[in-house]
Amino acid sequence: MTTAAAVADRPVQDLHAGLMAARRGEPAEEVLACILASWFAGLGVMPAWLGLGEKDFFDMLAHHFPGFDPLGSVPQKQRIDPLRSEESADLRNLLLENRSGRSASEAWMADIVTAGCLGSDHLWQDLGLWNRAQLTGLMWENFAPLAKRNDKDMKWKKFLYRQLCEAEGVAICRSPSCEICVDYAVCFGSE
């Protein structure tokens, strides 16, 4: 079993390797190990407990990575902005309504993705993933009905917010953090 002392101050790749060695063997665990490794290493913007709450976080960790013990090294990051709680609830409901139905852990992933959506960069970066393809895999594995609807390969955060806008009948819809995104010129520049 990996101890808390062994987790502290390890590079993200070592943390990932430790998580993968402790995994149960479900398909979502590769991507989840990336999110966790980045979070333990202090990367990404994920809040305390990845947005799950302490009990659900440890239940998720015990389910997916039963041989991994992070006690003493859990990052103490900020909580989700309470002013965005309605938005969080809408995002979470959208994800829960579009689960793939393959695993009970899809509810945990809905909470994690919801927390990531509240960051100010691309969703894959806010989650602490290493590339956008990992996020696409996460969406197909856990939320296939949504992934199927993203047939134009729209950026995931923008796509999720657009889904919320369409459900409310709003014709013009922006992602919540477009103005501060490093790719603003790419998305909104002249063609």
N, C-alpha and C. Protein backbone atom coordinates (compact mmCIF):
# COMPACT_ATOMS: atom_id res chain seq x y z
N MET A 1 0.84 -1.19 0.00
CA MET A 1 0.00 0.00 0.00
C MET A 1 0.88 1.24 0.00
N THR A 2 0.50 2.24 -0.79
CA THR A 2 1.23 3.50 -0.84
C THR A 2 0.85 4.32 0.37
N THR A 3 1.82 4.89 1.06
CA THR A 3 1.56 5.68 2.25
C THR A 3 1.52 7.16 1.93
N ALA A 4 0.98 7.94 2.86
CA ALA A 4 0.88 9.38 2.67
C ALA A 4 2.25 10.01 2.49
N ALA A 5 3.24 9.57 3.26
CA ALA A 5 4.58 10.12 3.15
C ALA A 5 5.15 9.89 1.76
N ALA A 6 4.82 8.77 1.15
CA ALA A 6 5.32 8.46 -0.19
C ALA A 6 4.63 9.30 -1.25
N VAL A 7 3.44 9.84 -0.95
CA VAL A 7 2.70 10.64 -1.91
C VAL A 7 3.24 12.06 -1.98
N ALA A 8 3.60 12.62 -0.85
CA ALA A 8 4.02 14.02 -0.79
C ALA A 8 5.25 14.27 -1.66
N ASP A 9 5.23 15.39 -2.37
CA ASP A 9 6.38 15.87 -3.16
C ASP A 9 6.81 14.94 -4.29
N ARG A 10 5.95 14.10 -4.78
CA ARG A 10 6.30 13.25 -5.92
C ARG A 10 5.87 13.92 -7.21
N PRO A 11 6.63 13.76 -8.27
CA PRO A 11 6.20 14.30 -9.56
C PRO A 11 4.89 13.65 -10.00
N VAL A 12 4.15 14.37 -10.82
CA VAL A 12 2.84 13.91 -11.25
C VAL A 12 2.90 12.54 -11.92
N GLN A 13 3.96 12.26 -12.70
CA GLN A 13 4.06 10.96 -13.36
C GLN A 13 4.22 9.83 -12.35
N ASP A 14 4.97 10.07 -11.28
CA ASP A 14 5.13 9.06 -10.23
C ASP A 14 3.82 8.82 -9.50
N LEU A 15 3.09 9.90 -9.23
CA LEU A 15 1.79 9.76 -8.58
C LEU A 15 0.84 8.96 -9.47
N HIS A 16 0.86 9.26 -10.77
CA HIS A 16 0.02 8.53 -11.71
C HIS A 16 0.38 7.05 -11.71
N ALA A 17 1.66 6.75 -11.74
CA ALA A 17 2.11 5.35 -11.74
C ALA A 17 1.66 4.64 -10.47
N GLY A 18 1.74 5.32 -9.33
CA GLY A 18 1.29 4.73 -8.07
C GLY A 18 -0.21 4.46 -8.06
N LEU A 19 -0.98 5.38 -8.61
CA LEU A 19 -2.42 5.18 -8.70
C LEU A 19 -2.75 4.03 -9.64
N MET A 20 -2.08 3.97 -10.77
CA MET A 20 -2.35 2.90 -11.74
C MET A 20 -1.98 1.54 -11.16
N ALA A 21 -0.96 1.49 -10.33
CA ALA A 21 -0.57 0.22 -9.70
C ALA A 21 -1.62 -0.22 -8.68
N ALA A 22 -2.37 0.74 -8.13
CA ALA A 22 -3.36 0.44 -7.10
C ALA A 22 -4.77 0.31 -7.65
N ARG A 23 -4.96 0.47 -8.94
CA ARG A 23 -6.31 0.52 -9.52
C ARG A 23 -7.02 -0.82 -9.49
N ARG A 24 -8.33 -0.74 -9.57
CA ARG A 24 -9.19 -1.92 -9.58
C ARG A 24 -9.23 -2.54 -10.97
N GLY A 25 -9.25 -1.72 -12.02
CA GLY A 25 -9.24 -2.24 -13.38
C GLY A 25 -10.40 -1.79 -14.24
N GLU A 26 -11.15 -0.77 -13.82
CA GLU A 26 -12.26 -0.25 -14.62
C GLU A 26 -11.73 0.73 -15.66
N PRO A 27 -12.42 0.85 -16.80
CA PRO A 27 -11.92 1.70 -17.90
C PRO A 27 -11.68 3.16 -17.52
N ALA A 28 -12.50 3.74 -16.69
CA ALA A 28 -12.38 5.17 -16.37
C ALA A 28 -11.17 5.49 -15.50
N GLU A 29 -10.50 4.48 -14.98
CA GLU A 29 -9.45 4.72 -14.00
C GLU A 29 -8.17 5.35 -14.57
N GLU A 30 -7.89 5.15 -15.82
CA GLU A 30 -6.71 5.79 -16.44
C GLU A 30 -6.85 7.31 -16.37
N VAL A 31 -7.99 7.81 -16.81
CA VAL A 31 -8.24 9.25 -16.80
C VAL A 31 -8.39 9.76 -15.37
N LEU A 32 -9.08 9.02 -14.55
CA LEU A 32 -9.24 9.42 -13.15
C LEU A 32 -7.89 9.48 -12.45
N ALA A 33 -6.98 8.57 -12.77
CA ALA A 33 -5.63 8.59 -12.19
C ALA A 33 -4.89 9.86 -12.60
N CYS A 34 -5.09 10.32 -13.84
CA CYS A 34 -4.47 11.58 -14.28
C CYS A 34 -5.01 12.77 -13.49
N ILE A 35 -6.33 12.81 -13.32
CA ILE A 35 -6.95 13.89 -12.56
C ILE A 35 -6.41 13.90 -11.13
N LEU A 36 -6.40 12.74 -10.50
CA LEU A 36 -5.93 12.63 -9.12
C LEU A 36 -4.44 12.98 -9.00
N ALA A 37 -3.62 12.46 -9.88
CA ALA A 37 -2.18 12.73 -9.82
C ALA A 37 -1.91 14.21 -9.95
N SER A 38 -2.58 14.86 -10.89
CA SER A 38 -2.39 16.30 -11.06
C SER A 38 -2.86 17.05 -9.82
N TRP A 39 -3.98 16.64 -9.27
CA TRP A 39 -4.53 17.30 -8.09
C TRP A 39 -3.60 17.13 -6.88
N PHE A 40 -3.13 15.90 -6.66
CA PHE A 40 -2.20 15.66 -5.55
C PHE A 40 -0.92 16.47 -5.73
N ALA A 41 -0.49 16.68 -6.98
CA ALA A 41 0.73 17.44 -7.26
C ALA A 41 0.50 18.95 -7.25
N GLY A 42 -0.74 19.37 -7.03
CA GLY A 42 -1.04 20.79 -6.96
C GLY A 42 -1.30 21.44 -8.30
N LEU A 43 -1.55 20.65 -9.33
CA LEU A 43 -1.82 21.18 -10.67
C LEU A 43 -3.32 21.27 -10.90
N GLY A 44 -3.73 22.01 -11.92
CA GLY A 44 -5.15 22.16 -12.20
C GLY A 44 -5.79 23.10 -11.19
N VAL A 45 -7.08 23.24 -11.27
CA VAL A 45 -7.80 24.17 -10.38
C VAL A 45 -8.88 23.47 -9.57
N MET A 46 -8.82 22.17 -9.50
CA MET A 46 -9.89 21.44 -8.82
C MET A 46 -9.95 21.82 -7.35
N PRO A 47 -11.19 21.94 -6.83
CA PRO A 47 -11.37 22.33 -5.43
C PRO A 47 -11.12 21.16 -4.49
N ALA A 48 -11.30 21.43 -3.21
CA ALA A 48 -11.15 20.41 -2.18
C ALA A 48 -11.98 19.19 -2.54
N TRP A 49 -11.38 18.02 -2.37
CA TRP A 49 -12.03 16.73 -2.60
C TRP A 49 -12.54 16.57 -4.03
N LEU A 50 -11.95 17.32 -4.96
CA LEU A 50 -12.34 17.29 -6.38
C LEU A 50 -13.80 17.66 -6.60
N GLY A 51 -14.39 18.34 -5.63
CA GLY A 51 -15.79 18.73 -5.73
C GLY A 51 -16.76 17.66 -5.24
N LEU A 52 -16.22 16.57 -4.71
CA LEU A 52 -17.07 15.44 -4.28
C LEU A 52 -17.55 15.55 -2.84
N GLY A 53 -16.85 16.25 -2.01
CA GLY A 53 -17.07 16.16 -0.58
C GLY A 53 -16.15 15.07 -0.03
N GLU A 54 -15.75 15.21 1.21
CA GLU A 54 -14.74 14.32 1.78
C GLU A 54 -15.16 12.85 1.77
N LYS A 55 -16.37 12.53 2.21
CA LYS A 55 -16.80 11.13 2.26
C LYS A 55 -16.83 10.50 0.87
N ASP A 56 -17.48 11.18 -0.10
CA ASP A 56 -17.54 10.65 -1.45
C ASP A 56 -16.16 10.53 -2.08
N PHE A 57 -15.28 11.48 -1.77
CA PHE A 57 -13.92 11.40 -2.30
C PHE A 57 -13.24 10.11 -1.84
N PHE A 58 -13.31 9.83 -0.55
CA PHE A 58 -12.64 8.62 -0.04
C PHE A 58 -13.36 7.35 -0.49
N ASP A 59 -14.68 7.41 -0.65
CA ASP A 59 -15.40 6.26 -1.21
C ASP A 59 -14.95 5.99 -2.65
N MET A 60 -14.83 7.07 -3.45
CA MET A 60 -14.38 6.93 -4.83
C MET A 60 -12.96 6.38 -4.88
N LEU A 61 -12.09 6.92 -4.05
CA LEU A 61 -10.70 6.48 -4.03
C LEU A 61 -10.60 5.01 -3.62
N ALA A 62 -11.35 4.62 -2.60
CA ALA A 62 -11.33 3.22 -2.15
C ALA A 62 -11.90 2.28 -3.21
N HIS A 63 -12.89 2.74 -3.94
CA HIS A 63 -13.49 1.92 -4.99
C HIS A 63 -12.53 1.71 -6.17
N HIS A 64 -11.95 2.80 -6.66
CA HIS A 64 -11.13 2.72 -7.87
C HIS A 64 -9.66 2.40 -7.60
N PHE A 65 -9.13 2.84 -6.47
CA PHE A 65 -7.70 2.66 -6.18
C PHE A 65 -7.53 2.15 -4.76
N PRO A 66 -8.00 0.93 -4.50
CA PRO A 66 -8.04 0.42 -3.12
C PRO A 66 -6.67 0.31 -2.45
N GLY A 67 -5.59 0.26 -3.19
CA GLY A 67 -4.27 0.15 -2.58
C GLY A 67 -3.56 1.47 -2.43
N PHE A 68 -4.25 2.58 -2.61
CA PHE A 68 -3.63 3.90 -2.57
C PHE A 68 -4.14 4.66 -1.36
N ASP A 69 -3.25 5.13 -0.50
CA ASP A 69 -3.62 5.84 0.72
C ASP A 69 -3.00 7.23 0.72
N PRO A 70 -3.81 8.27 0.45
CA PRO A 70 -3.25 9.62 0.38
C PRO A 70 -3.29 10.40 1.69
N LEU A 71 -3.72 9.81 2.78
CA LEU A 71 -3.91 10.56 4.01
C LEU A 71 -2.67 11.38 4.35
N GLY A 72 -2.91 12.61 4.74
CA GLY A 72 -1.83 13.51 5.09
C GLY A 72 -1.31 14.30 3.90
N SER A 73 -1.73 13.95 2.70
CA SER A 73 -1.22 14.67 1.54
C SER A 73 -2.34 15.22 0.66
N VAL A 74 -3.55 15.22 1.16
CA VAL A 74 -4.68 15.73 0.38
C VAL A 74 -4.57 17.25 0.31
N PRO A 75 -4.54 17.81 -0.91
CA PRO A 75 -4.42 19.26 -1.05
C PRO A 75 -5.60 19.99 -0.40
N GLN A 76 -5.32 21.08 0.23
CA GLN A 76 -6.37 21.90 0.84
C GLN A 76 -6.64 23.08 -0.08
N LYS A 77 -7.39 22.82 -1.12
CA LYS A 77 -7.70 23.87 -2.10
C LYS A 77 -9.04 24.51 -1.77
N GLN A 78 -9.33 25.58 -2.51
CA GLN A 78 -10.54 26.35 -2.29
C GLN A 78 -11.80 25.53 -2.55
N ARG A 79 -12.87 26.00 -2.01
CA ARG A 79 -14.19 25.41 -2.27
C ARG A 79 -14.77 26.04 -3.53
N ILE A 80 -15.77 25.38 -4.06
CA ILE A 80 -16.46 25.92 -5.23
C ILE A 80 -17.17 27.21 -4.83
N ASP A 81 -17.11 28.21 -5.68
CA ASP A 81 -17.72 29.51 -5.44
C ASP A 81 -19.23 29.34 -5.21
N PRO A 82 -19.71 29.69 -4.01
CA PRO A 82 -21.14 29.50 -3.72
C PRO A 82 -22.05 30.32 -4.62
N LEU A 83 -21.54 31.39 -5.22
CA LEU A 83 -22.35 32.19 -6.14
C LEU A 83 -22.65 31.44 -7.43
N ARG A 84 -21.92 30.35 -7.67
CA ARG A 84 -22.14 29.57 -8.88
C ARG A 84 -22.86 28.26 -8.58
N SER A 85 -23.54 28.18 -7.44
CA SER A 85 -24.17 26.92 -7.03
C SER A 85 -25.32 26.52 -7.96
N GLU A 86 -26.10 27.48 -8.43
CA GLU A 86 -27.19 27.14 -9.36
C GLU A 86 -26.62 26.59 -10.66
N GLU A 87 -25.60 27.24 -11.15
CA GLU A 87 -24.91 26.78 -12.36
C GLU A 87 -24.35 25.38 -12.15
N SER A 88 -23.75 25.15 -10.99
CA SER A 88 -23.20 23.82 -10.67
C SER A 88 -24.29 22.77 -10.68
N ALA A 89 -25.42 23.09 -10.08
CA ALA A 89 -26.53 22.14 -10.03
C ALA A 89 -27.03 21.81 -11.44
N ASP A 90 -27.13 22.83 -12.29
CA ASP A 90 -27.59 22.60 -13.67
C ASP A 90 -26.60 21.72 -14.44
N LEU A 91 -25.32 22.00 -14.31
CA LEU A 91 -24.30 21.19 -14.99
C LEU A 91 -24.34 19.75 -14.50
N ARG A 92 -24.41 19.58 -13.18
CA ARG A 92 -24.43 18.24 -12.60
C ARG A 92 -25.66 17.47 -13.10
N ASN A 93 -26.81 18.12 -13.10
CA ASN A 93 -28.03 17.46 -13.58
C ASN A 93 -27.91 17.06 -15.05
N LEU A 94 -27.34 17.95 -15.87
CA LEU A 94 -27.13 17.63 -17.28
C LEU A 94 -26.28 16.37 -17.43
N LEU A 95 -25.20 16.30 -16.68
CA LEU A 95 -24.31 15.13 -16.76
C LEU A 95 -25.01 13.88 -16.23
N LEU A 96 -25.68 13.99 -15.10
CA LEU A 96 -26.36 12.82 -14.53
C LEU A 96 -27.46 12.29 -15.46
N GLU A 97 -28.14 13.19 -16.13
CA GLU A 97 -29.20 12.78 -17.05
C GLU A 97 -28.65 12.11 -18.31
N ASN A 98 -27.35 12.24 -18.54
CA ASN A 98 -26.72 11.72 -19.75
C ASN A 98 -25.62 10.71 -19.45
N ARG A 99 -25.78 9.99 -18.35
CA ARG A 99 -24.79 8.95 -18.01
C ARG A 99 -24.85 7.82 -19.02
N SER A 100 -23.72 7.17 -19.18
CA SER A 100 -23.63 6.03 -20.10
C SER A 100 -24.32 4.80 -19.53
N GLY A 101 -24.44 4.69 -18.22
CA GLY A 101 -25.08 3.54 -17.60
C GLY A 101 -24.18 2.32 -17.49
N ARG A 102 -22.88 2.54 -17.53
CA ARG A 102 -21.93 1.43 -17.45
C ARG A 102 -21.37 1.23 -16.05
N SER A 103 -21.37 2.29 -15.23
CA SER A 103 -20.72 2.22 -13.93
C SER A 103 -21.40 3.14 -12.93
N ALA A 104 -21.47 2.71 -11.71
CA ALA A 104 -22.03 3.55 -10.65
C ALA A 104 -21.14 4.76 -10.40
N SER A 105 -19.89 4.70 -10.79
CA SER A 105 -18.98 5.82 -10.54
C SER A 105 -19.23 7.00 -11.48
N GLU A 106 -20.16 6.86 -12.42
CA GLU A 106 -20.48 7.98 -13.30
C GLU A 106 -21.02 9.17 -12.51
N ALA A 107 -21.66 8.92 -11.39
CA ALA A 107 -22.14 10.02 -10.54
C ALA A 107 -20.96 10.79 -9.94
N TRP A 108 -19.91 10.06 -9.53
CA TRP A 108 -18.71 10.75 -9.04
C TRP A 108 -18.09 11.57 -10.16
N MET A 109 -18.03 11.01 -11.36
CA MET A 109 -17.45 11.73 -12.48
C MET A 109 -18.28 12.97 -12.83
N ALA A 110 -19.59 12.89 -12.65
CA ALA A 110 -20.44 14.06 -12.89
C ALA A 110 -20.05 15.19 -11.94
N ASP A 111 -19.82 14.88 -10.68
CA ASP A 111 -19.41 15.90 -9.71
C ASP A 111 -18.03 16.46 -10.05
N ILE A 112 -17.11 15.60 -10.45
CA ILE A 112 -15.75 16.03 -10.78
C ILE A 112 -15.77 16.94 -12.01
N VAL A 113 -16.47 16.54 -13.06
CA VAL A 113 -16.55 17.35 -14.27
C VAL A 113 -17.25 18.68 -13.97
N THR A 114 -18.29 18.65 -13.16
CA THR A 114 -18.98 19.88 -12.78
C THR A 114 -18.02 20.84 -12.10
N ALA A 115 -17.23 20.34 -11.16
CA ALA A 115 -16.25 21.20 -10.47
C ALA A 115 -15.23 21.75 -11.45
N GLY A 116 -14.80 20.93 -12.40
CA GLY A 116 -13.85 21.39 -13.41
C GLY A 116 -14.43 22.48 -14.30
N CYS A 117 -15.72 22.42 -14.57
CA CYS A 117 -16.36 23.44 -15.41
C CYS A 117 -16.31 24.82 -14.78
N LEU A 118 -16.11 24.89 -13.49
CA LEU A 118 -16.11 26.17 -12.80
C LEU A 118 -14.74 26.84 -12.83
N GLY A 119 -13.75 26.19 -13.44
CA GLY A 119 -12.44 26.79 -13.63
C GLY A 119 -12.49 27.78 -14.79
N SER A 120 -11.37 28.45 -15.05
CA SER A 120 -11.35 29.51 -16.07
C SER A 120 -10.57 29.15 -17.33
N ASP A 121 -10.18 27.91 -17.48
CA ASP A 121 -9.43 27.51 -18.67
C ASP A 121 -10.22 26.41 -19.40
N HIS A 122 -9.59 25.76 -20.37
CA HIS A 122 -10.25 24.64 -21.02
C HIS A 122 -10.54 23.57 -19.98
N LEU A 123 -11.62 22.85 -20.15
CA LEU A 123 -12.05 21.87 -19.16
C LEU A 123 -10.97 20.83 -18.89
N TRP A 124 -10.30 20.34 -19.93
CA TRP A 124 -9.29 19.31 -19.71
C TRP A 124 -8.16 19.85 -18.84
N GLN A 125 -7.81 21.13 -19.00
CA GLN A 125 -6.76 21.74 -18.18
C GLN A 125 -7.24 21.96 -16.75
N ASP A 126 -8.47 22.44 -16.60
CA ASP A 126 -9.01 22.67 -15.26
C ASP A 126 -9.13 21.37 -14.47
N LEU A 127 -9.41 20.27 -15.15
CA LEU A 127 -9.50 18.97 -14.49
C LEU A 127 -8.13 18.42 -14.11
N GLY A 128 -7.08 18.95 -14.73
CA GLY A 128 -5.74 18.42 -14.49
C GLY A 128 -5.38 17.28 -15.42
N LEU A 129 -6.14 17.16 -16.52
CA LEU A 129 -5.81 16.13 -17.51
C LEU A 129 -4.61 16.60 -18.33
N TRP A 130 -4.01 15.70 -19.06
CA TRP A 130 -2.77 16.00 -19.77
C TRP A 130 -3.00 16.37 -21.22
N ASN A 131 -4.20 16.10 -21.75
CA ASN A 131 -4.54 16.51 -23.11
C ASN A 131 -6.05 16.43 -23.29
N ARG A 132 -6.53 17.07 -24.35
CA ARG A 132 -7.97 17.12 -24.60
C ARG A 132 -8.54 15.74 -24.94
N ALA A 133 -7.73 14.89 -25.56
CA ALA A 133 -8.20 13.55 -25.92
C ALA A 133 -8.62 12.76 -24.68
N GLN A 134 -7.94 12.98 -23.56
CA GLN A 134 -8.33 12.29 -22.33
C GLN A 134 -9.74 12.72 -21.90
N LEU A 135 -10.04 14.00 -22.05
CA LEU A 135 -11.37 14.48 -21.69
C LEU A 135 -12.43 13.89 -22.62
N THR A 136 -12.12 13.82 -23.89
CA THR A 136 -13.05 13.21 -24.84
C THR A 136 -13.31 11.75 -24.45
N GLY A 137 -12.27 11.03 -24.09
CA GLY A 137 -12.44 9.65 -23.63
C GLY A 137 -13.29 9.57 -22.38
N LEU A 138 -13.06 10.49 -21.43
CA LEU A 138 -13.86 10.54 -20.20
C LEU A 138 -15.33 10.75 -20.54
N MET A 139 -15.60 11.67 -21.45
CA MET A 139 -16.99 11.97 -21.81
C MET A 139 -17.64 10.77 -22.49
N TRP A 140 -16.94 10.11 -23.42
CA TRP A 140 -17.51 8.94 -24.09
C TRP A 140 -17.73 7.80 -23.10
N GLU A 141 -16.82 7.61 -22.17
CA GLU A 141 -16.95 6.51 -21.20
C GLU A 141 -18.10 6.75 -20.23
N ASN A 142 -18.23 7.97 -19.75
CA ASN A 142 -19.17 8.26 -18.67
C ASN A 142 -20.47 8.92 -19.11
N PHE A 143 -20.44 9.68 -20.21
CA PHE A 143 -21.59 10.47 -20.64
C PHE A 143 -21.78 10.35 -22.15
N ALA A 144 -21.92 9.13 -22.62
CA ALA A 144 -22.00 8.85 -24.06
C ALA A 144 -23.12 9.62 -24.78
N PRO A 145 -24.32 9.76 -24.20
CA PRO A 145 -25.35 10.52 -24.92
C PRO A 145 -24.92 11.96 -25.22
N LEU A 146 -24.21 12.59 -24.30
CA LEU A 146 -23.69 13.94 -24.55
C LEU A 146 -22.58 13.90 -25.59
N ALA A 147 -21.68 12.95 -25.44
CA ALA A 147 -20.55 12.84 -26.38
C ALA A 147 -21.05 12.68 -27.81
N LYS A 148 -22.11 11.91 -27.99
CA LYS A 148 -22.68 11.71 -29.33
C LYS A 148 -23.20 13.02 -29.90
N ARG A 149 -23.75 13.86 -29.05
CA ARG A 149 -24.31 15.14 -29.52
C ARG A 149 -23.21 16.14 -29.88
N ASN A 150 -22.01 15.95 -29.39
CA ASN A 150 -20.91 16.86 -29.72
C ASN A 150 -20.25 16.41 -31.02
N ASP A 151 -21.05 16.32 -32.06
CA ASP A 151 -20.57 15.79 -33.34
C ASP A 151 -19.74 16.79 -34.15
N LYS A 152 -19.63 18.03 -33.69
CA LYS A 152 -18.79 19.03 -34.36
C LYS A 152 -17.48 19.23 -33.60
N ASP A 153 -17.22 18.40 -32.58
CA ASP A 153 -15.99 18.47 -31.78
C ASP A 153 -15.78 19.83 -31.14
N MET A 154 -16.88 20.43 -30.64
CA MET A 154 -16.79 21.69 -29.93
C MET A 154 -16.00 21.49 -28.64
N LYS A 155 -15.33 22.49 -28.18
CA LYS A 155 -14.63 22.41 -26.90
C LYS A 155 -15.65 22.01 -25.84
N TRP A 156 -15.26 21.11 -24.94
CA TRP A 156 -16.22 20.48 -24.04
C TRP A 156 -16.93 21.44 -23.10
N LYS A 157 -16.21 22.36 -22.51
CA LYS A 157 -16.87 23.28 -21.58
C LYS A 157 -17.90 24.13 -22.33
N LYS A 158 -17.50 24.64 -23.47
CA LYS A 158 -18.42 25.43 -24.28
C LYS A 158 -19.63 24.58 -24.69
N PHE A 159 -19.37 23.33 -25.07
CA PHE A 159 -20.46 22.44 -25.47
C PHE A 159 -21.44 22.22 -24.31
N LEU A 160 -20.93 21.97 -23.11
CA LEU A 160 -21.81 21.72 -21.96
C LEU A 160 -22.66 22.95 -21.64
N TYR A 161 -22.04 24.13 -21.66
CA TYR A 161 -22.81 25.34 -21.40
C TYR A 161 -23.81 25.60 -22.52
N ARG A 162 -23.46 25.28 -23.74
CA ARG A 162 -24.40 25.44 -24.85
C ARG A 162 -25.60 24.52 -24.64
N GLN A 163 -25.36 23.31 -24.15
CA GLN A 163 -26.47 22.39 -23.87
C GLN A 163 -27.42 22.98 -22.83
N LEU A 164 -26.86 23.62 -21.81
CA LEU A 164 -27.70 24.27 -20.80
C LEU A 164 -28.50 25.41 -21.42
N CYS A 165 -27.86 26.21 -22.26
CA CYS A 165 -28.55 27.33 -22.90
C CYS A 165 -29.68 26.83 -23.79
N GLU A 166 -29.41 25.80 -24.57
CA GLU A 166 -30.44 25.25 -25.45
C GLU A 166 -31.62 24.72 -24.65
N ALA A 167 -31.33 24.10 -23.53
CA ALA A 167 -32.42 23.58 -22.68
C ALA A 167 -33.29 24.71 -22.14
N GLU A 168 -32.69 25.90 -21.96
CA GLU A 168 -33.43 27.05 -21.46
C GLU A 168 -33.99 27.92 -22.59
N GLY A 169 -33.69 27.55 -23.84
CA GLY A 169 -34.17 28.33 -24.97
C GLY A 169 -33.40 29.60 -25.23
N VAL A 170 -32.16 29.67 -24.75
CA VAL A 170 -31.32 30.85 -24.95
C VAL A 170 -30.54 30.67 -26.25
N ALA A 171 -30.68 31.63 -27.18
CA ALA A 171 -30.07 31.49 -28.50
C ALA A 171 -28.57 31.80 -28.48
N ILE A 172 -28.16 32.82 -27.74
CA ILE A 172 -26.75 33.21 -27.69
C ILE A 172 -26.20 32.75 -26.35
N CYS A 173 -25.13 31.97 -26.43
CA CYS A 173 -24.60 31.39 -25.21
C CYS A 173 -23.09 31.40 -25.25
N ARG A 174 -22.45 31.94 -24.21
CA ARG A 174 -21.00 31.94 -24.12
C ARG A 174 -20.57 31.04 -22.99
N SER A 175 -19.37 30.55 -23.08
CA SER A 175 -18.78 29.84 -21.95
C SER A 175 -18.55 30.86 -20.85
N PRO A 176 -18.47 30.44 -19.60
CA PRO A 176 -18.43 31.39 -18.50
C PRO A 176 -17.12 32.16 -18.37
N SER A 177 -16.07 31.74 -19.05
CA SER A 177 -14.77 32.38 -18.82
C SER A 177 -14.06 32.73 -20.13
N CYS A 178 -14.80 33.01 -21.17
CA CYS A 178 -14.20 33.26 -22.48
C CYS A 178 -13.19 34.41 -22.46
N GLU A 179 -13.52 35.49 -21.79
CA GLU A 179 -12.68 36.69 -21.85
C GLU A 179 -11.28 36.47 -21.28
N ILE A 180 -11.11 35.50 -20.38
CA ILE A 180 -9.80 35.29 -19.77
C ILE A 180 -9.09 34.06 -20.30
N CYS A 181 -9.70 33.39 -21.29
CA CYS A 181 -9.11 32.18 -21.86
C CYS A 181 -7.93 32.53 -22.76
N VAL A 182 -6.87 31.73 -22.70
CA VAL A 182 -5.69 31.96 -23.53
C VAL A 182 -5.99 31.78 -25.02
N ASP A 183 -7.05 31.10 -25.37
CA ASP A 183 -7.42 30.86 -26.76
C ASP A 183 -8.52 31.82 -27.24
N TYR A 184 -8.74 32.91 -26.53
CA TYR A 184 -9.81 33.82 -26.89
C TYR A 184 -9.69 34.28 -28.36
N ALA A 185 -8.49 34.63 -28.79
CA ALA A 185 -8.29 35.11 -30.16
C ALA A 185 -8.59 34.03 -31.19
N VAL A 186 -8.34 32.77 -30.84
CA VAL A 186 -8.62 31.68 -31.75
C VAL A 186 -10.12 31.49 -31.93
N CYS A 187 -10.86 31.56 -30.84
CA CYS A 187 -12.31 31.34 -30.89
C CYS A 187 -13.06 32.55 -31.44
N PHE A 188 -12.58 33.76 -31.15
CA PHE A 188 -13.34 34.96 -31.49
C PHE A 188 -12.62 35.89 -32.44
N GLY A 189 -11.47 35.49 -32.96
CA GLY A 189 -10.73 36.32 -33.90
C GLY A 189 -11.38 36.31 -35.27
N SER A 190 -10.88 37.18 -36.16
CA SER A 190 -11.43 37.21 -37.53
C SER A 190 -11.07 35.93 -38.26
N GLU A 191 -11.93 35.53 -39.18
CA GLU A 191 -11.70 34.29 -39.92
C GLU A 191 -11.07 34.57 -41.26
